[in-house]
């Protein structure tokens, strides 16, 4: 496949950052603070460097936010999740913090990563890199044999990541392949990962029994050659190792919210409200022989999805995509102790938060600061009014980051499709409104506007489209109904 014009795509990415309200460059004061960062103090915290910690992330990831290990305790399992101690390195209201609070998230365009924190921190000082001692916030949870969460605690400790692993390598090994190089000579680390896999399966089963929704989603990512040149797009489905990290992080985030509530402290919740488009979800499910109640019911929807996964696995990805679109975006919500929390519809939880990626998300860094009174005698950095402002900004900028990433992916797809004008493609409708209709083709994974014949289409409908035009610079792909 021909190399794409990387310089053009980098211009597209930078322009998208600016257009959607991001500051793509660190200001001089933040740069200076990053270069003058003092070493984090290691005194006064527990030394847990001996535990068999490891991380699993994307192969290219350098901003490592969490490491994990488990220990058997009778019929239960004690889970340890170590989170990069970013709050210790980045004082509130400092230049780096002000920049992070404005952008609120790292933006991963595939062409360039616009990090929320300067690379000196997110790729080094506050990254839980392999074979380096680092300060971390430890979330310790006792999980019973049925996947239920028991007692939990949070504290600071010194940790060491003994193996930086990737999702593909761990998934391949768990499926019967060769172990990743970082653990091939360590029986202890291999046993660790198998125990984490078993724990994740128990946690997933418990969530599923409570009505949590299970989707199969694919994230379109640029494919780079050995020289860093873009040569294509591929859809990456969540694999077995990805499911391990997802379940362990869900458990850790649940525990953090519970600990804050028990201490009478405010928290930042990740909320997915009951779908406003439930009638459309019910209508869509009926097209697959499903029968959903008139009112939103996560258990009934979970049962429908489970049936589609079993009976029509080749269509499960399409169904997942359509349902996710109809459920809508999540949001961050400030929670005051004593008030009824806003729940998470997809996870079937009354209260859920984000705390496990403080290098990448400001909501997680703010949550780490809210934990301050549980970690030391410090007073909280924020009043509830501050928390409300943070959640509003984080929700806004998360949506903007999605738009940046979609625009760049669309420009890459437009470049890949530029020689296929007039060709037809199988697609699924992803958005249908009086103003615009969009559909997603599968090879390459790309979304475009149906500019002709899309007036009567509905979300989730399968269609055949003809490619009319592309514009790489403007991130445009236009189709007609064939």
Protein backbone atom coordinates (compact mmCIF):
# COMPACT_ATOMS: atom_id res chain seq x y z
CA UNK A 1 0.00 0.00 0.00
CA UNK A 2 1.27 3.47 -0.85
CA UNK A 3 2.45 5.74 1.92
CA UNK A 4 0.08 8.59 2.72
CA UNK A 5 1.17 12.21 2.99
CA UNK A 6 2.08 12.35 6.68
CA UNK A 7 2.82 16.08 6.62
CA UNK A 8 -0.67 16.75 5.28
CA UNK A 9 -2.25 14.53 7.92
CA UNK A 10 -0.26 16.25 10.67
CA UNK A 11 -1.58 19.60 9.43
CA UNK A 12 -5.11 18.18 9.53
CA UNK A 13 -4.59 16.99 13.10
CA UNK A 14 -3.19 20.28 14.33
CA UNK A 15 -5.90 22.31 12.64
CA UNK A 16 -8.56 20.03 14.15
CA UNK A 17 -7.08 20.56 17.62
CA UNK A 18 -7.37 24.32 17.23
CA UNK A 19 -10.80 24.22 15.58
CA UNK A 20 -12.25 22.20 18.47
CA UNK A 21 -10.88 24.40 21.23
CA UNK A 22 -7.62 22.70 22.22
CA UNK A 23 -4.26 24.34 22.78
CA UNK A 24 -1.88 22.02 20.90
CA UNK A 25 1.33 23.48 22.40
CA UNK A 26 2.46 23.69 26.00
CA UNK A 27 2.99 27.30 27.14
CA UNK A 28 6.53 28.30 28.16
CA UNK A 29 5.69 28.28 31.88
CA UNK A 30 4.45 24.68 31.69
CA UNK A 31 7.53 23.64 29.73
CA UNK A 32 9.78 25.27 32.32
CA UNK A 33 7.94 23.56 35.16
CA UNK A 34 8.35 20.19 33.44
CA UNK A 35 12.11 20.58 33.01
CA UNK A 36 12.56 21.71 36.62
CA UNK A 37 10.43 18.93 38.16
CA UNK A 38 12.06 17.74 41.39
CA UNK A 39 12.25 13.99 42.07
CA UNK A 40 9.18 12.70 43.85
CA UNK A 41 9.82 11.97 47.51
CA UNK A 42 10.01 8.25 48.29
CA UNK A 43 10.06 8.53 52.07
CA UNK A 44 7.04 7.91 54.24
CA UNK A 45 5.26 5.47 51.91
CA UNK A 46 5.17 1.70 51.79
CA UNK A 47 7.69 -0.12 49.65
CA UNK A 48 5.80 -2.54 47.38
CA UNK A 49 8.46 -2.81 44.68
CA UNK A 50 8.80 -6.54 45.45
CA UNK A 51 5.25 -7.35 44.31
CA UNK A 52 4.92 -8.87 40.80
CA UNK A 53 3.54 -5.76 39.12
CA UNK A 54 3.04 -5.56 35.35
CA UNK A 55 1.24 -3.31 32.88
CA UNK A 56 -0.76 -4.14 29.76
CA UNK A 57 -1.44 -1.41 27.23
CA UNK A 58 -1.29 -0.68 23.51
CA UNK A 59 2.11 -1.60 22.02
CA UNK A 60 2.95 2.04 21.30
CA UNK A 61 1.82 3.43 24.68
CA UNK A 62 4.38 5.29 26.76
CA UNK A 63 2.05 7.10 29.18
CA UNK A 64 1.53 4.14 31.51
CA UNK A 65 -1.07 5.02 34.13
CA UNK A 66 -1.60 1.74 35.94
CA UNK A 67 -0.01 -1.54 36.93
CA UNK A 68 -1.69 -4.55 38.49
CA UNK A 69 -1.09 -7.64 40.59
CA UNK A 70 -3.23 -10.09 42.57
CA UNK A 71 -2.79 -12.40 45.54
CA UNK A 72 -4.87 -15.38 46.59
CA UNK A 73 -6.54 -15.07 49.99
CA UNK A 74 -8.51 -18.19 50.81
CA UNK A 75 -11.35 -18.44 48.30
CA UNK A 76 -11.05 -14.72 47.59
CA UNK A 77 -8.52 -12.67 45.63
CA UNK A 78 -6.81 -9.49 46.77
CA UNK A 79 -6.45 -7.09 43.86
CA UNK A 80 -3.81 -4.35 43.83
CA UNK A 81 -4.03 -1.59 41.24
CA UNK A 82 -1.20 0.95 41.24
CA UNK A 83 -2.05 4.34 39.73
CA UNK A 84 0.60 6.88 38.71
CA UNK A 85 0.84 9.47 41.50
CA UNK A 86 0.39 12.50 39.25
CA UNK A 87 -1.12 14.66 41.99
CA UNK A 88 2.21 14.60 43.85
CA UNK A 89 4.07 15.81 40.78
CA UNK A 90 1.61 18.44 39.53
CA UNK A 91 0.46 20.95 42.18
CA UNK A 92 -3.03 22.34 41.71
CA UNK A 93 -3.09 25.72 39.91
CA UNK A 94 0.50 25.33 38.69
CA UNK A 95 1.23 26.11 34.99
CA UNK A 96 1.05 22.43 33.98
CA UNK A 97 -2.18 22.01 35.92
CA UNK A 98 -3.78 25.05 34.28
CA UNK A 99 -2.90 23.70 30.83
CA UNK A 100 -4.20 20.22 31.72
CA UNK A 101 -7.41 21.67 33.18
CA UNK A 102 -8.05 23.53 29.91
CA UNK A 103 -7.47 20.60 27.52
CA UNK A 104 -8.63 17.97 30.09
CA UNK A 105 -7.49 14.98 28.02
CA UNK A 106 -4.75 13.57 25.86
CA UNK A 107 -5.81 13.38 22.22
CA UNK A 108 -4.69 10.34 20.22
CA UNK A 109 -4.89 11.11 16.51
CA UNK A 110 -2.69 8.21 15.39
CA UNK A 111 -0.57 10.75 13.56
CA UNK A 112 0.52 12.67 16.65
CA UNK A 113 -0.34 12.29 20.33
CA UNK A 114 -1.22 15.58 22.00
CA UNK A 115 -0.55 14.72 25.63
CA UNK A 116 -2.41 16.38 28.50
CA UNK A 117 0.85 16.59 30.47
CA UNK A 118 4.29 17.43 29.08
CA UNK A 119 6.11 14.35 27.76
CA UNK A 120 8.73 14.75 30.49
CA UNK A 121 5.97 13.70 32.89
CA UNK A 122 3.50 11.52 31.02
CA UNK A 123 6.20 9.50 29.22
CA UNK A 124 8.72 9.47 32.07
CA UNK A 125 8.44 11.00 35.55
CA UNK A 126 4.79 10.05 36.14
CA UNK A 127 4.67 7.04 33.82
CA UNK A 128 4.93 3.63 35.45
CA UNK A 129 7.67 2.58 33.05
CA UNK A 130 9.31 -0.81 33.25
CA UNK A 131 12.11 -1.40 35.76
CA UNK A 132 11.87 2.03 37.39
CA UNK A 133 10.76 2.71 40.98
CA UNK A 134 7.80 5.09 40.99
CA UNK A 135 5.36 6.54 43.51
CA UNK A 136 1.83 5.30 43.03
CA UNK A 137 -1.61 5.48 44.58
CA UNK A 138 -2.61 1.92 45.46
CA UNK A 139 -6.22 0.77 45.32
CA UNK A 140 -6.46 -2.51 47.19
CA UNK A 141 -9.68 -4.55 46.96
CA UNK A 142 -10.77 -7.93 48.29
CA UNK A 143 -12.82 -9.74 45.63
CA UNK A 144 -14.84 -12.80 46.62
CA UNK A 145 -15.02 -15.97 44.57
CA UNK A 146 -18.17 -14.78 42.81
CA UNK A 147 -16.65 -11.52 41.61
CA UNK A 148 -18.22 -9.37 44.32
CA UNK A 149 -16.24 -6.42 45.69
CA UNK A 150 -15.49 -6.44 49.42
CA UNK A 151 -13.34 -4.25 51.65
CA UNK A 152 -11.17 -1.68 49.91
CA UNK A 153 -8.45 0.76 50.90
CA UNK A 154 -6.32 3.41 49.25
CA UNK A 155 -2.77 4.48 50.12
CA UNK A 156 0.51 5.60 48.55
CA UNK A 157 3.43 3.27 47.91
CA UNK A 158 6.64 2.80 45.99
CA UNK A 159 6.19 0.34 43.09
CA UNK A 160 8.16 -1.14 40.20
CA UNK A 161 6.69 -2.30 36.90
CA UNK A 162 8.45 -5.60 36.20
CA UNK A 163 6.99 -6.11 32.69
CA UNK A 164 5.58 -3.66 30.14
CA UNK A 165 3.22 -5.83 28.10
CA UNK A 166 0.91 -5.24 25.15
CA UNK A 167 -2.66 -6.36 24.54
CA UNK A 168 -1.89 -8.37 21.37
CA UNK A 169 1.08 -10.22 22.88
CA UNK A 170 -0.71 -11.19 26.10
CA UNK A 171 -3.89 -12.20 24.25
CA UNK A 172 -1.93 -14.40 21.85
CA UNK A 173 -0.11 -16.10 24.73
CA UNK A 174 -3.32 -16.72 26.72
CA UNK A 175 -4.79 -18.31 23.59
CA UNK A 176 -1.91 -20.80 23.46
CA UNK A 177 0.92 -18.87 21.82
CA UNK A 178 4.37 -18.04 23.07
CA UNK A 179 4.70 -15.84 26.18
CA UNK A 180 5.73 -12.21 25.67
CA UNK A 181 9.48 -11.65 25.88
CA UNK A 182 9.22 -9.63 29.13
CA UNK A 183 7.74 -12.62 31.01
CA UNK A 184 9.13 -15.62 29.11
CA UNK A 185 11.64 -16.39 31.88
CA UNK A 186 9.39 -15.53 34.83
CA UNK A 187 7.01 -18.22 36.04
CA UNK A 188 5.78 -15.80 38.72
CA UNK A 189 4.68 -13.17 36.21
CA UNK A 190 3.08 -15.77 33.97
CA UNK A 191 1.09 -17.11 36.93
CA UNK A 192 0.16 -13.52 37.80
CA UNK A 193 -1.39 -12.86 34.42
CA UNK A 194 -3.32 -16.12 34.45
CA UNK A 195 -4.72 -15.19 37.88
CA UNK A 196 -5.62 -11.73 36.62
CA UNK A 197 -7.37 -13.32 33.65
CA UNK A 198 -9.39 -15.59 35.95
CA UNK A 199 -10.28 -12.68 38.23
CA UNK A 200 -11.38 -10.56 35.27
CA UNK A 201 -13.67 -13.33 34.08
CA UNK A 202 -15.26 -13.59 37.54
CA UNK A 203 -15.74 -9.80 37.70
CA UNK A 204 -17.28 -9.78 34.22
CA UNK A 205 -19.67 -12.59 35.11
CA UNK A 206 -20.80 -10.74 38.22
CA UNK A 207 -21.41 -7.52 36.26
CA UNK A 208 -23.29 -9.41 33.57
CA UNK A 209 -25.53 -11.02 36.19
CA UNK A 210 -26.37 -7.50 37.41
CA UNK A 211 -27.51 -6.41 33.95
CA UNK A 212 -24.34 -4.79 32.58
CA UNK A 213 -24.30 -4.41 28.80
CA UNK A 214 -21.65 -6.22 26.77
CA UNK A 215 -20.64 -4.77 23.43
CA UNK A 216 -18.14 -5.64 20.74
CA UNK A 217 -16.62 -2.43 19.48
CA UNK A 218 -13.82 -1.81 17.02
CA UNK A 219 -11.58 1.24 17.16
CA UNK A 220 -10.19 2.37 13.82
CA UNK A 221 -6.46 3.02 14.15
CA UNK A 222 -3.86 4.15 11.62
CA UNK A 223 -1.44 1.45 10.49
CA UNK A 224 2.18 2.63 10.45
CA UNK A 225 5.12 0.96 8.78
CA UNK A 226 8.57 0.56 10.36
CA UNK A 227 9.43 4.14 9.38
CA UNK A 228 6.36 5.66 11.02
CA UNK A 229 4.60 6.27 7.71
CA UNK A 230 0.82 5.83 7.54
CA UNK A 231 -0.10 2.97 5.21
CA UNK A 232 -3.69 2.18 6.19
CA UNK A 233 -6.49 1.94 8.73
CA UNK A 234 -7.50 -1.13 10.69
CA UNK A 235 -10.36 -1.88 13.06
CA UNK A 236 -9.07 -3.24 16.36
CA UNK A 237 -11.52 -5.24 18.42
CA UNK A 238 -11.05 -5.55 22.16
CA UNK A 239 -9.07 -8.71 22.84
CA UNK A 240 -8.72 -10.96 25.88
CA UNK A 241 -5.99 -8.85 27.48
CA UNK A 242 -8.06 -5.73 26.91
CA UNK A 243 -10.92 -7.38 28.78
CA UNK A 244 -8.58 -8.11 31.72
CA UNK A 245 -7.59 -4.46 32.08
CA UNK A 246 -11.16 -3.26 31.54
CA UNK A 247 -12.51 -5.41 34.37
CA UNK A 248 -9.69 -4.62 36.81
CA UNK A 249 -10.05 -0.87 36.14
CA UNK A 250 -13.84 -1.00 36.53
CA UNK A 251 -13.32 -2.65 39.93
CA UNK A 252 -10.75 -0.03 40.95
CA UNK A 253 -12.94 2.88 39.83
CA UNK A 254 -15.94 1.47 41.70
CA UNK A 255 -13.85 1.13 44.84
CA UNK A 256 -12.64 4.74 44.64
CA UNK A 257 -16.19 6.09 44.46
CA UNK A 258 -17.21 3.91 47.41
CA UNK A 259 -14.22 5.06 49.48
CA UNK A 260 -14.97 8.74 48.80
CA UNK A 261 -18.65 8.25 49.66
CA UNK A 262 -17.80 6.43 52.90
CA UNK A 263 -15.50 9.31 53.91
CA UNK A 264 -18.14 11.91 53.11
CA UNK A 265 -16.04 13.45 50.35
CA UNK A 266 -17.24 14.76 46.97
CA UNK A 267 -16.52 12.72 43.87
CA UNK A 268 -16.56 12.88 40.09
CA UNK A 269 -18.96 10.34 38.61
CA UNK A 270 -18.90 8.96 35.11
CA UNK A 271 -22.59 8.83 34.19
CA UNK A 272 -24.53 7.33 31.31
CA UNK A 273 -28.15 8.32 31.78
CA UNK A 274 -31.12 6.25 30.70
CA UNK A 275 -31.32 6.51 26.90
CA UNK A 276 -33.59 9.23 25.54
CA UNK A 277 -33.85 7.22 22.32
CA UNK A 278 -35.17 4.06 23.98
CA UNK A 279 -38.13 3.77 21.52
CA UNK A 280 -35.62 3.73 18.65
CA UNK A 281 -33.57 1.09 20.49
CA UNK A 282 -36.69 -1.04 20.96
CA UNK A 283 -37.61 -0.61 17.29
CA UNK A 284 -34.10 -1.57 16.22
CA UNK A 285 -34.12 -4.66 18.46
CA UNK A 286 -37.50 -5.68 17.00
CA UNK A 287 -35.83 -5.86 13.59
CA UNK A 288 -33.67 -8.66 15.02
CA UNK A 289 -36.60 -10.46 16.66
CA UNK A 290 -36.08 -8.78 20.05
CA UNK A 291 -38.85 -7.52 22.29
CA UNK A 292 -37.87 -4.77 24.72
CA UNK A 293 -40.18 -3.15 27.30
CA UNK A 294 -41.54 0.36 26.77
CA UNK A 295 -39.33 1.85 29.50
CA UNK A 296 -35.49 1.68 29.60
CA UNK A 297 -34.40 -1.66 31.04
CA UNK A 298 -30.68 -2.49 31.03
CA UNK A 299 -31.33 -6.12 31.95
CA UNK A 300 -33.66 -6.66 29.00
CA UNK A 301 -31.23 -4.95 26.64
CA UNK A 302 -28.36 -7.05 28.01
CA UNK A 303 -30.37 -10.23 27.35
CA UNK A 304 -31.05 -9.10 23.77
CA UNK A 305 -27.37 -8.39 23.15
CA UNK A 306 -26.40 -11.75 24.65
CA UNK A 307 -28.81 -13.53 22.29
CA UNK A 308 -27.40 -11.73 19.26
CA UNK A 309 -23.86 -12.62 20.32
CA UNK A 310 -24.83 -16.32 20.54
CA UNK A 311 -27.14 -16.65 17.56
CA UNK A 312 -25.81 -14.08 15.08
CA UNK A 313 -22.14 -13.52 16.01
CA UNK A 314 -21.24 -12.21 12.55
CA UNK A 315 -23.66 -9.32 13.09
CA UNK A 316 -22.87 -8.59 16.74
CA UNK A 317 -20.36 -5.84 15.97
CA UNK A 318 -22.89 -3.98 13.82
CA UNK A 319 -25.58 -4.32 16.49
CA UNK A 320 -23.18 -3.09 19.17
CA UNK A 321 -22.30 -0.02 17.11
CA UNK A 322 -25.95 0.86 16.51
CA UNK A 323 -26.97 0.44 20.17
CA UNK A 324 -24.01 2.49 21.42
CA UNK A 325 -24.93 5.31 19.05
CA UNK A 326 -28.53 5.27 20.26
CA UNK A 327 -27.60 5.19 23.95
CA UNK A 328 -25.49 8.32 23.52
CA UNK A 329 -22.46 9.86 25.20
CA UNK A 330 -21.46 9.57 28.82
CA UNK A 331 -20.74 12.62 30.93
CA UNK A 332 -18.93 13.64 34.09
CA UNK A 333 -21.06 14.68 37.06
CA UNK A 334 -20.07 16.30 40.35
CA UNK A 335 -21.46 14.30 43.26
CA UNK A 336 -22.07 15.76 46.71
CA UNK A 337 -22.04 13.31 49.65
CA UNK A 338 -25.56 12.36 50.62
CA UNK A 339 -27.14 13.17 47.27
CA UNK A 340 -28.55 10.44 45.04
CA UNK A 341 -25.85 9.63 42.46
CA UNK A 342 -26.40 9.62 38.71
CA UNK A 343 -25.95 6.04 37.54
CA UNK A 344 -24.15 4.40 34.65
CA UNK A 345 -26.72 2.70 32.41
CA UNK A 346 -24.25 0.60 30.42
CA UNK A 347 -22.45 -0.78 33.49
CA UNK A 348 -25.67 -1.15 35.51
CA UNK A 349 -24.08 0.72 38.42
CA UNK A 350 -25.60 3.37 40.68
CA UNK A 351 -22.28 5.21 40.97
CA UNK A 352 -19.12 4.91 38.89
CA UNK A 353 -16.06 7.11 38.53
CA UNK A 354 -12.79 7.55 36.67
CA UNK A 355 -9.56 7.44 38.68
CA UNK A 356 -7.17 5.13 36.85
CA UNK A 357 -5.66 7.34 34.10
CA UNK A 358 -4.40 10.61 35.65
CA UNK A 359 -1.69 11.04 33.00
CA UNK A 360 -4.34 11.12 30.28
CA UNK A 361 -7.58 12.49 31.82
CA UNK A 362 -7.99 15.52 34.05
CA UNK A 363 -11.08 14.04 35.71
CA UNK A 364 -8.87 11.21 36.98
CA UNK A 365 -6.21 13.64 38.21
CA UNK A 366 -8.89 15.67 40.00
CA UNK A 367 -10.25 12.48 41.59
CA UNK A 368 -6.74 11.67 42.81
CA UNK A 369 -6.67 15.05 44.53
CA UNK A 370 -10.11 14.42 46.05
CA UNK A 371 -8.59 11.30 47.63
CA UNK A 372 -6.03 13.52 49.41
CA UNK A 373 -7.71 13.39 52.84
CA UNK A 374 -7.65 9.57 52.67
CA UNK A 375 -3.96 9.56 51.78
CA UNK A 376 -2.75 12.19 54.25
CA UNK A 377 -4.05 14.89 56.57
CA UNK A 378 -4.37 17.39 53.74
CA UNK A 379 -7.60 19.21 53.11
CA UNK A 380 -9.22 18.69 49.67
CA UNK A 381 -7.90 20.86 46.83
CA UNK A 382 -11.44 21.53 45.58
CA UNK A 383 -14.79 22.73 46.85
CA UNK A 384 -17.90 21.20 45.30
CA UNK A 385 -18.25 24.26 43.04
CA UNK A 386 -14.77 23.57 41.68
CA UNK A 387 -15.68 19.94 41.08
CA UNK A 388 -18.81 20.98 39.16
CA UNK A 389 -16.76 23.28 36.92
CA UNK A 390 -14.22 20.51 36.30
CA UNK A 391 -16.89 18.00 35.30
CA UNK A 392 -18.53 20.43 32.92
CA UNK A 393 -15.22 21.21 31.20
CA UNK A 394 -14.16 17.55 31.04
CA UNK A 395 -17.47 16.50 29.46
CA UNK A 396 -17.20 19.25 26.85
CA UNK A 397 -13.59 18.58 25.90
CA UNK A 398 -14.02 14.81 25.78
CA UNK A 399 -16.63 15.30 23.05
CA UNK A 400 -14.28 17.70 21.27
CA UNK A 401 -11.43 15.17 21.47
CA UNK A 402 -13.68 12.58 19.84
CA UNK A 403 -14.30 15.03 17.00
CA UNK A 404 -10.57 15.64 16.54
CA UNK A 405 -9.82 11.94 16.39
CA UNK A 406 -12.73 11.26 14.03
CA UNK A 407 -11.63 14.06 11.70
CA UNK A 408 -8.09 12.73 11.43
CA UNK A 409 -9.26 9.15 10.90
CA UNK A 410 -11.62 10.43 8.22
CA UNK A 411 -8.79 12.24 6.44
CA UNK A 412 -6.74 9.04 6.50
CA UNK A 413 -9.71 7.09 5.11
CA UNK A 414 -10.29 9.76 2.46
CA UNK A 415 -6.68 9.39 1.33
CA UNK A 416 -7.03 5.61 1.19
CA UNK A 417 -10.27 5.89 -0.81
CA UNK A 418 -9.11 8.58 -3.21
CA UNK A 419 -8.48 6.01 -5.98
CA UNK A 420 -11.82 4.24 -5.53
CA UNK A 421 -14.32 6.88 -6.63
CA UNK A 422 -17.41 5.24 -8.11
CA UNK A 423 -16.87 1.96 -6.23
CA UNK A 424 -19.62 0.47 -4.08
CA UNK A 425 -19.28 -0.56 -0.44
CA UNK A 426 -21.35 -2.41 2.13
CA UNK A 427 -22.14 -0.15 5.09
CA UNK A 428 -24.23 0.32 8.21
CA UNK A 429 -26.04 3.57 9.03
CA UNK A 430 -24.57 5.22 12.15
CA UNK A 431 -26.55 8.45 12.29
CA UNK A 432 -29.88 9.44 10.76
CA UNK A 433 -31.44 12.83 11.32
CA UNK A 434 -33.34 15.40 9.24
CA UNK A 435 -30.08 17.32 8.83
CA UNK A 436 -27.62 14.58 7.88
CA UNK A 437 -27.21 10.84 7.50
CA UNK A 438 -23.91 9.05 8.06
CA UNK A 439 -22.85 5.46 7.44
CA UNK A 440 -19.78 3.37 8.17
CA UNK A 441 -18.08 1.15 5.61
CA UNK A 442 -15.94 -1.75 6.71
CA UNK A 443 -12.89 -1.89 4.40
CA UNK A 444 -11.28 0.46 5.23
CA UNK A 445 -13.22 1.24 8.43
CA UNK A 446 -14.51 4.72 7.64
CA UNK A 447 -17.57 6.87 8.15
CA UNK A 448 -18.97 9.24 5.55
CA UNK A 449 -22.06 11.30 4.77
CA UNK A 450 -24.85 9.87 2.63
CA UNK A 451 -25.52 12.97 0.52
CA UNK A 452 -27.91 11.26 -1.90
CA UNK A 453 -30.72 8.87 -1.02
CA UNK A 454 -30.22 8.92 2.74
CA UNK A 455 -33.46 10.64 3.72
CA UNK A 456 -35.37 7.49 4.72
CA UNK A 457 -32.52 5.52 6.28
CA UNK A 458 -32.40 4.60 9.98
CA UNK A 459 -29.59 3.83 12.44
CA UNK A 460 -28.37 0.25 12.16
CA UNK A 461 -29.73 -0.31 8.67
CA UNK A 462 -27.46 -2.14 6.23
CA UNK A 463 -27.02 -0.40 2.89
CA UNK A 464 -24.91 -0.44 -0.26
CA UNK A 465 -23.25 2.89 -0.99
CA UNK A 466 -21.39 4.35 -3.95
CA UNK A 467 -18.40 6.60 -3.24
CA UNK A 468 -18.96 10.01 -4.81
CA UNK A 469 -16.08 12.18 -3.63
CA UNK A 470 -13.35 12.63 -1.00
CA UNK A 471 -11.39 15.61 0.31
CA UNK A 472 -8.40 14.73 2.48
CA UNK A 473 -7.69 18.30 3.59
CA UNK A 474 -11.31 18.90 4.65
CA UNK A 475 -11.88 15.36 6.03
CA UNK A 476 -14.84 14.73 3.74
CA UNK A 477 -16.17 11.42 2.38
CA UNK A 478 -19.47 11.54 0.49
CA UNK A 479 -21.62 8.60 -0.56
CA UNK A 480 -24.81 8.02 -2.50
CA UNK A 481 -27.25 5.20 -1.83
CA UNK A 482 -26.53 2.64 -4.53
